[in-house]
Amino acid sequence: MKYVRIVRQTRRNVDIPFFTPTAETIAVMDRYVEDGKIESYTFDNISEDKLHKEMKMTFTNLLSLDEFLCEEQIIGSAAARSSHCDNYYISVTLE
């Protein structure tokens, strides 16, 4: 059964930078795509008012998501996102 993971960021104004995954994090995502564990991902869906950004990943199953979330690079990226968003007062929701 497919599992969709969505990360939404909301900022107060357009002068505040959104968090963006590093090249190393994207490389892990690409490896999961190559291995058939992620069907697709997008991370630059920005709203018309430019205050909301959505990152969406479609995993082939929940086990693939669990494995992904245990990757050292992904754990580090989540910590970096949390720090960045705390520092810039960006709200983040995970689905």
C-alpha atoms as a PDB file:
ATOM      1  CA  MET A   1       0.000   0.000   0.000  1.00  0.00           C
ATOM      2  CA  LYS A   2       1.385   3.418  -0.987  1.00  0.00           C
ATOM      3  CA  TYR A   3       2.180   5.958   1.707  1.00  0.00           C
ATOM      4  CA  VAL A   4       2.363   9.703   1.050  1.00  0.00           C
ATOM      5  CA  ARG A   5       4.507  11.892   3.301  1.00  0.00           C
ATOM      6  CA  ILE A   6       3.872  15.655   3.105  1.00  0.00           C
ATOM      7  CA  VAL A   7       5.937  18.379   4.775  1.00  0.00           C
ATOM      8  CA  ARG A   8       4.395  21.859   4.679  1.00  0.00           C
ATOM      9  CA  GLN A   9       6.201  25.062   5.614  1.00  0.00           C
ATOM     10  CA  THR A  10       4.450  28.386   6.216  1.00  0.00           C
ATOM     11  CA  ARG A  11       6.364  31.624   6.586  1.00  0.00           C
ATOM     12  CA  ARG A  12       5.231  35.114   7.615  1.00  0.00           C
ATOM     13  CA  ASN A  13       6.677  36.942   4.622  1.00  0.00           C
ATOM     14  CA  VAL A  14       8.638  36.294   1.435  1.00  0.00           C
ATOM     15  CA  ASP A  15      11.901  37.635   2.879  1.00  0.00           C
ATOM     16  CA  ILE A  16      12.192  34.569   5.109  1.00  0.00           C
ATOM     17  CA  PRO A  17      13.976  31.653   3.382  1.00  0.00           C
ATOM     18  CA  PHE A  18      12.256  28.277   3.271  1.00  0.00           C
ATOM     19  CA  PHE A  19      14.234  25.222   4.304  1.00  0.00           C
ATOM     20  CA  THR A  20      15.457  23.266   1.286  1.00  0.00           C
ATOM     21  CA  PRO A  21      17.030  19.783   1.426  1.00  0.00           C
ATOM     22  CA  THR A  22      20.748  19.549   0.702  1.00  0.00           C
ATOM     23  CA  ALA A  23      22.221  17.750  -2.303  1.00  0.00           C
ATOM     24  CA  GLU A  24      23.183  14.882   0.012  1.00  0.00           C
ATOM     25  CA  THR A  25      19.586  14.491   1.176  1.00  0.00           C
ATOM     26  CA  ILE A  26      18.311  14.590  -2.401  1.00  0.00           C
ATOM     27  CA  ALA A  27      20.880  11.896  -3.272  1.00  0.00           C
ATOM     28  CA  VAL A  28      19.323   9.623  -0.623  1.00  0.00           C
ATOM     29  CA  MET A  29      15.871  10.332  -2.053  1.00  0.00           C
ATOM     30  CA  ASP A  30      17.123   9.540  -5.558  1.00  0.00           C
ATOM     31  CA  ARG A  31      18.605   6.252  -4.306  1.00  0.00           C
ATOM     32  CA  TYR A  32      15.214   5.306  -2.871  1.00  0.00           C
ATOM     33  CA  VAL A  33      13.608   6.111  -6.231  1.00  0.00           C
ATOM     34  CA  GLU A  34      16.186   3.934  -8.021  1.00  0.00           C
ATOM     35  CA  ASP A  35      15.565   1.114  -5.511  1.00  0.00           C
ATOM     36  CA  GLY A  36      11.800   1.340  -6.113  1.00  0.00           C
ATOM     37  CA  LYS A  37      11.055   2.471  -2.555  1.00  0.00           C
ATOM     38  CA  ILE A  38       9.940   6.012  -3.469  1.00  0.00           C
ATOM     39  CA  GLU A  39       7.633   6.350  -6.473  1.00  0.00           C
ATOM     40  CA  SER A  40       7.970  10.124  -6.734  1.00  0.00           C
ATOM     41  CA  TYR A  41       8.878  13.267  -4.836  1.00  0.00           C
ATOM     42  CA  THR A  42       8.588  17.013  -5.244  1.00  0.00           C
ATOM     43  CA  PHE A  43       9.974  19.665  -2.960  1.00  0.00           C
ATOM     44  CA  ASP A  44       9.426  22.997  -4.674  1.00  0.00           C
ATOM     45  CA  ASN A  45       5.639  23.331  -4.664  1.00  0.00           C
ATOM     46  CA  ILE A  46       5.246  26.961  -3.602  1.00  0.00           C
ATOM     47  CA  SER A  47       1.877  28.677  -3.254  1.00  0.00           C
ATOM     48  CA  GLU A  48       0.851  31.606  -5.401  1.00  0.00           C
ATOM     49  CA  ASP A  49       1.294  34.024  -2.475  1.00  0.00           C
ATOM     50  CA  LYS A  50       4.773  32.471  -1.929  1.00  0.00           C
ATOM     51  CA  LEU A  51       4.123  31.947   1.798  1.00  0.00           C
ATOM     52  CA  HIS A  52       3.576  28.160   1.719  1.00  0.00           C
ATOM     53  CA  LYS A  53       5.878  25.414   0.485  1.00  0.00           C
ATOM     54  CA  GLU A  54       5.034  21.734   0.209  1.00  0.00           C
ATOM     55  CA  MET A  55       7.330  18.742  -0.115  1.00  0.00           C
ATOM     56  CA  LYS A  56       5.608  15.495  -1.062  1.00  0.00           C
ATOM     57  CA  MET A  57       7.064  11.994  -1.230  1.00  0.00           C
ATOM     58  CA  THR A  58       5.156   8.902  -2.303  1.00  0.00           C
ATOM     59  CA  PHE A  59       6.604   5.720  -0.806  1.00  0.00           C
ATOM     60  CA  THR A  60       5.742   2.269  -2.133  1.00  0.00           C
ATOM     61  CA  ASN A  61       4.840   1.155   1.400  1.00  0.00           C
ATOM     62  CA  LEU A  62       5.131   2.086   5.072  1.00  0.00           C
ATOM     63  CA  LEU A  63       8.221  -0.082   5.544  1.00  0.00           C
ATOM     64  CA  SER A  64      10.068   1.999   2.909  1.00  0.00           C
ATOM     65  CA  LEU A  65       9.123   5.198   4.767  1.00  0.00           C
ATOM     66  CA  ASP A  66      10.288   3.750   8.094  1.00  0.00           C
ATOM     67  CA  GLU A  67      13.602   2.715   6.525  1.00  0.00           C
ATOM     68  CA  PHE A  68      13.988   6.175   4.955  1.00  0.00           C
ATOM     69  CA  LEU A  69      13.345   7.950   8.274  1.00  0.00           C
ATOM     70  CA  CYS A  70      16.120   5.865   9.904  1.00  0.00           C
ATOM     71  CA  GLU A  71      18.765   6.974   7.380  1.00  0.00           C
ATOM     72  CA  GLU A  72      21.475   9.044   9.091  1.00  0.00           C
ATOM     73  CA  GLN A  73      21.321  11.719   6.374  1.00  0.00           C
ATOM     74  CA  ILE A  74      17.536  12.016   6.714  1.00  0.00           C
ATOM     75  CA  ILE A  75      17.720  12.265  10.509  1.00  0.00           C
ATOM     76  CA  GLY A  76      20.280  15.057  10.113  1.00  0.00           C
ATOM     77  CA  SER A  77      18.141  16.798   7.509  1.00  0.00           C
ATOM     78  CA  ALA A  78      15.088  16.688   9.785  1.00  0.00           C
ATOM     79  CA  ALA A  79      17.143  18.229  12.605  1.00  0.00           C
ATOM     80  CA  ALA A  80      18.465  20.923  10.240  1.00  0.00           C
ATOM     81  CA  ARG A  81      14.919  21.661   9.030  1.00  0.00           C
ATOM     82  CA  SER A  82      13.672  21.929  12.601  1.00  0.00           C
ATOM     83  CA  SER A  83      16.496  24.287  13.553  1.00  0.00           C
ATOM     84  CA  HIS A  84      16.065  26.420  10.432  1.00  0.00           C
ATOM     85  CA  CYS A  85      12.316  26.701  10.879  1.00  0.00           C
ATOM     86  CA  ASP A  86      12.650  27.497  14.595  1.00  0.00           C
ATOM     87  CA  ASN A  87      15.214  30.207  13.853  1.00  0.00           C
ATOM     88  CA  TYR A  88      13.031  31.811  11.162  1.00  0.00           C
ATOM     89  CA  TYR A  89       9.670  31.200  12.887  1.00  0.00           C
ATOM     90  CA  ILE A  90       8.419  29.016  10.042  1.00  0.00           C
ATOM     91  CA  SER A  91       5.610  26.670  10.982  1.00  0.00           C
ATOM     92  CA  VAL A  92       5.955  23.080   9.795  1.00  0.00           C
ATOM     93  CA  THR A  93       3.312  20.382   9.549  1.00  0.00           C
ATOM     94  CA  LEU A  94       3.927  16.735   8.725  1.00  0.00           C
ATOM     95  CA  GLU A  95       1.331  14.380   7.290  1.00  0.00           C
END
